[in-house]
Each structure stands twice: as C-alpha cells, then as structure tokens.
Amino acid sequence: MSWKLTCRDAGDGSGDVILELPDDLLQAAGMAVGDTLELERDPNDSTAIRLTKVVLCDVCNASTAETGHGVLQAQWRDGEAEGMRLCRSCFNYAMATLRSAHRVNHMFDDDEPEQ
C-alpha cells in the first residue's frame, strides 16, 4: 500500500514540516495517535519515505528500533492489566533480578522433591 502525503511548513521559522497522517494509514501500519515515529528516505525511491514505529523503553527511555523490545506484563483476575516495554538491557536486568530473588527465596529448600 502507498499514500501520497503533503508536507507543510510548521510556520515557526524552524524549517520543520508537518506531515499529517490519515487514520487509514495509521491503522494499516498498526500505529496510533501518540506513537513515536522515525522517518527515513526509502533507498529505492528518492521521493518516498519510510515510517518506523519507535518503541521506547518504559524504564530508561531508550529506542528499541534496532534490537526490538521485551514485554513484562500481567493480566490480573479482576480484569486489570499492566505491562512494561523494555529494551534488551533493562529486560536482562529485570530477568537477572527475578532469578536472583528466586535463588534467595529457595536457598534452603531441599533438593529432593517431597513425597
């Protein structure tokens, strides 16, 4: 799919432009109002740009565009849900912290299963 969009001057003397994205484009790309997007020129077409949704780590605010992101989430029985999107570094830290807590909590458990 492709769309033709028009950039308009922001009008503040900055040289910035405003690019209004139609709802059908956002929906087709899996994006929503409020998402952070990166623009880059399409190397195969000098008149085209590529939009990439940028997911920022909820802990350190780093972009996960290069590596992807991990998700720590919960769905509680009362219907409440919560979650965090994490960069690789913060995800690894969370996993190491949870593993360490597990080791401490089970430090004196018998290795033999109960019968």
C-alpha atoms as a PDB file:
ATOM      1  CA  MET A   1       0.000   0.000   0.000  1.00  0.00           C
ATOM      2  CA  SER A   2       1.119   3.547  -0.530  1.00  0.00           C
ATOM      3  CA  TRP A   3      -0.180   7.008   0.197  1.00  0.00           C
ATOM      4  CA  LYS A   4       0.724  10.409  -1.200  1.00  0.00           C
ATOM      5  CA  LEU A   5       1.087  12.948   1.581  1.00  0.00           C
ATOM      6  CA  THR A   6       1.951  16.615   1.555  1.00  0.00           C
ATOM      7  CA  CYS A   7       4.391  18.235   3.951  1.00  0.00           C
ATOM      8  CA  ARG A   8       3.544  21.741   5.059  1.00  0.00           C
ATOM      9  CA  ASP A   9       5.741  24.301   6.740  1.00  0.00           C
ATOM     10  CA  ALA A  10       5.344  24.411  10.515  1.00  0.00           C
ATOM     11  CA  GLY A  11       5.198  28.198  10.240  1.00  0.00           C
ATOM     12  CA  ASP A  12       7.515  28.842  13.166  1.00  0.00           C
ATOM     13  CA  GLY A  13      10.689  29.639  11.238  1.00  0.00           C
ATOM     14  CA  SER A  14      12.358  26.385  12.323  1.00  0.00           C
ATOM     15  CA  GLY A  15      12.366  24.769   8.901  1.00  0.00           C
ATOM     16  CA  ASP A  16      10.343  21.887  10.334  1.00  0.00           C
ATOM     17  CA  VAL A  17       7.464  20.450   8.385  1.00  0.00           C
ATOM     18  CA  ILE A  18       4.159  18.953   9.424  1.00  0.00           C
ATOM     19  CA  LEU A  19       3.093  15.684   7.881  1.00  0.00           C
ATOM     20  CA  GLU A  20      -0.495  14.761   8.615  1.00  0.00           C
ATOM     21  CA  LEU A  21      -1.023  11.003   8.552  1.00  0.00           C
ATOM     22  CA  PRO A  22      -4.522   9.817   7.643  1.00  0.00           C
ATOM     23  CA  ASP A  23      -6.278   7.421  10.006  1.00  0.00           C
ATOM     24  CA  ASP A  24      -6.382   4.629   7.400  1.00  0.00           C
ATOM     25  CA  LEU A  25      -2.588   4.814   7.020  1.00  0.00           C
ATOM     26  CA  LEU A  26      -2.074   4.651  10.798  1.00  0.00           C
ATOM     27  CA  GLN A  27      -4.462   1.727  11.089  1.00  0.00           C
ATOM     28  CA  ALA A  28      -2.862  -0.177   8.197  1.00  0.00           C
ATOM     29  CA  ALA A  29       0.592   0.336   9.737  1.00  0.00           C
ATOM     30  CA  GLY A  30      -0.518  -0.691  13.241  1.00  0.00           C
ATOM     31  CA  MET A  31       0.153   2.778  14.580  1.00  0.00           C
ATOM     32  CA  ALA A  32      -1.935   5.084  16.710  1.00  0.00           C
ATOM     33  CA  VAL A  33      -2.063   8.739  17.655  1.00  0.00           C
ATOM     34  CA  GLY A  34       0.676   9.348  20.211  1.00  0.00           C
ATOM     35  CA  ASP A  35       3.141   6.781  18.825  1.00  0.00           C
ATOM     36  CA  THR A  36       6.683   7.951  18.158  1.00  0.00           C
ATOM     37  CA  LEU A  37       7.738   7.528  14.539  1.00  0.00           C
ATOM     38  CA  GLU A  38      11.073   7.718  12.750  1.00  0.00           C
ATOM     39  CA  LEU A  39      11.269   8.917   9.160  1.00  0.00           C
ATOM     40  CA  GLU A  40      13.921   7.794   6.713  1.00  0.00           C
ATOM     41  CA  ARG A  41      14.305   8.090   2.960  1.00  0.00           C
ATOM     42  CA  ASP A  42      13.490   4.975   1.001  1.00  0.00           C
ATOM     43  CA  PRO A  43      16.824   3.967  -0.590  1.00  0.00           C
ATOM     44  CA  ASN A  44      14.955   2.634  -3.642  1.00  0.00           C
ATOM     45  CA  ASP A  45      12.808   5.714  -4.264  1.00  0.00           C
ATOM     46  CA  SER A  46      14.094   9.260  -3.675  1.00  0.00           C
ATOM     47  CA  THR A  47      10.546  10.628  -3.390  1.00  0.00           C
ATOM     48  CA  ALA A  48       9.431   8.114  -0.758  1.00  0.00           C
ATOM     49  CA  ILE A  49       9.961   7.931   2.979  1.00  0.00           C
ATOM     50  CA  ARG A  50       9.627   5.050   5.394  1.00  0.00           C
ATOM     51  CA  LEU A  51       7.868   5.411   8.706  1.00  0.00           C
ATOM     52  CA  THR A  52       9.040   3.198  11.538  1.00  0.00           C
ATOM     53  CA  LYS A  53       7.223   2.973  14.846  1.00  0.00           C
ATOM     54  CA  VAL A  54       9.666   3.620  17.662  1.00  0.00           C
ATOM     55  CA  VAL A  55       9.062   1.810  20.911  1.00  0.00           C
ATOM     56  CA  LEU A  56      10.801   3.482  23.827  1.00  0.00           C
ATOM     57  CA  CYS A  57      11.849   1.501  26.897  1.00  0.00           C
ATOM     58  CA  ASP A  58       9.493   2.315  29.771  1.00  0.00           C
ATOM     59  CA  VAL A  59      12.468   2.270  32.198  1.00  0.00           C
ATOM     60  CA  CYS A  60      15.371   4.071  30.511  1.00  0.00           C
ATOM     61  CA  ASN A  61      13.541   5.673  27.551  1.00  0.00           C
ATOM     62  CA  ALA A  62      15.975   4.134  25.020  1.00  0.00           C
ATOM     63  CA  SER A  63      14.744   3.452  21.494  1.00  0.00           C
ATOM     64  CA  THR A  64      14.231  -0.228  20.729  1.00  0.00           C
ATOM     65  CA  ALA A  65      14.113   0.310  16.953  1.00  0.00           C
ATOM     66  CA  GLU A  66      17.393  -1.568  16.341  1.00  0.00           C
ATOM     67  CA  THR A  67      17.024  -4.513  18.729  1.00  0.00           C
ATOM     68  CA  GLY A  68      13.302  -4.907  19.324  1.00  0.00           C
ATOM     69  CA  HIS A  69      11.780  -4.906  22.780  1.00  0.00           C
ATOM     70  CA  GLY A  70      10.690  -7.287  25.504  1.00  0.00           C
ATOM     71  CA  VAL A  71       7.386  -7.072  27.339  1.00  0.00           C
ATOM     72  CA  LEU A  72       6.768  -7.694  31.026  1.00  0.00           C
ATOM     73  CA  GLN A  73       3.027  -7.900  31.512  1.00  0.00           C
ATOM     74  CA  ALA A  74       0.316  -9.114  33.849  1.00  0.00           C
ATOM     75  CA  GLN A  75      -3.363  -9.911  33.459  1.00  0.00           C
ATOM     76  CA  TRP A  76      -4.982  -9.983  36.905  1.00  0.00           C
ATOM     77  CA  ARG A  77      -8.177 -11.863  37.699  1.00  0.00           C
ATOM     78  CA  ASP A  78     -10.012  -8.650  38.496  1.00  0.00           C
ATOM     79  CA  GLY A  79      -9.561  -7.688  34.828  1.00  0.00           C
ATOM     80  CA  GLU A  80      -6.812  -5.176  35.442  1.00  0.00           C
ATOM     81  CA  ALA A  81      -3.813  -5.450  33.144  1.00  0.00           C
ATOM     82  CA  GLU A  82      -0.456  -3.772  33.255  1.00  0.00           C
ATOM     83  CA  GLY A  83       2.767  -4.044  31.379  1.00  0.00           C
ATOM     84  CA  MET A  84       6.101  -2.525  30.511  1.00  0.00           C
ATOM     85  CA  ARG A  85       8.007  -2.434  27.246  1.00  0.00           C
ATOM     86  CA  LEU A  86      11.721  -2.898  27.916  1.00  0.00           C
ATOM     87  CA  CYS A  87      14.936  -2.535  25.920  1.00  0.00           C
ATOM     88  CA  ARG A  88      17.247  -5.559  25.933  1.00  0.00           C
ATOM     89  CA  SER A  89      19.418  -4.155  28.728  1.00  0.00           C
ATOM     90  CA  CYS A  90      16.501  -3.382  31.072  1.00  0.00           C
ATOM     91  CA  PHE A  91      14.818  -6.703  30.226  1.00  0.00           C
ATOM     92  CA  ASN A  92      18.022  -8.601  31.050  1.00  0.00           C
ATOM     93  CA  TYR A  93      18.336  -6.656  34.310  1.00  0.00           C
ATOM     94  CA  ALA A  94      14.726  -7.483  35.263  1.00  0.00           C
ATOM     95  CA  MET A  95      15.268 -11.181  34.466  1.00  0.00           C
ATOM     96  CA  ALA A  96      18.548 -11.320  36.442  1.00  0.00           C
ATOM     97  CA  THR A  97      16.884  -9.607  39.413  1.00  0.00           C
ATOM     98  CA  LEU A  98      13.965 -12.049  39.375  1.00  0.00           C
ATOM     99  CA  ARG A  99      16.310 -15.059  39.058  1.00  0.00           C
ATOM    100  CA  SER A 100      18.370 -13.771  41.982  1.00  0.00           C
ATOM    101  CA  ALA A 101      15.226 -13.309  44.104  1.00  0.00           C
ATOM    102  CA  HIS A 102      14.174 -16.869  43.231  1.00  0.00           C
ATOM    103  CA  ARG A 103      17.577 -18.244  44.325  1.00  0.00           C
ATOM    104  CA  VAL A 104      17.393 -16.342  47.629  1.00  0.00           C
ATOM    105  CA  ASN A 105      13.797 -17.434  48.280  1.00  0.00           C
ATOM    106  CA  HIS A 106      14.686 -21.090  47.674  1.00  0.00           C
ATOM    107  CA  MET A 107      18.194 -21.084  49.144  1.00  0.00           C
ATOM    108  CA  PHE A 108      17.392 -23.576  51.911  1.00  0.00           C
ATOM    109  CA  ASP A 109      14.916 -25.756  50.029  1.00  0.00           C
ATOM    110  CA  ASP A 110      15.775 -29.423  49.931  1.00  0.00           C
ATOM    111  CA  ASP A 111      16.949 -30.600  46.551  1.00  0.00           C
ATOM    112  CA  GLU A 112      14.849 -33.731  46.868  1.00  0.00           C
ATOM    113  CA  PRO A 113      11.193 -33.400  45.886  1.00  0.00           C
ATOM    114  CA  GLU A 114       8.689 -34.018  48.681  1.00  0.00           C
ATOM    115  CA  GLN A 115       6.890 -37.352  48.613  1.00  0.00           C
END
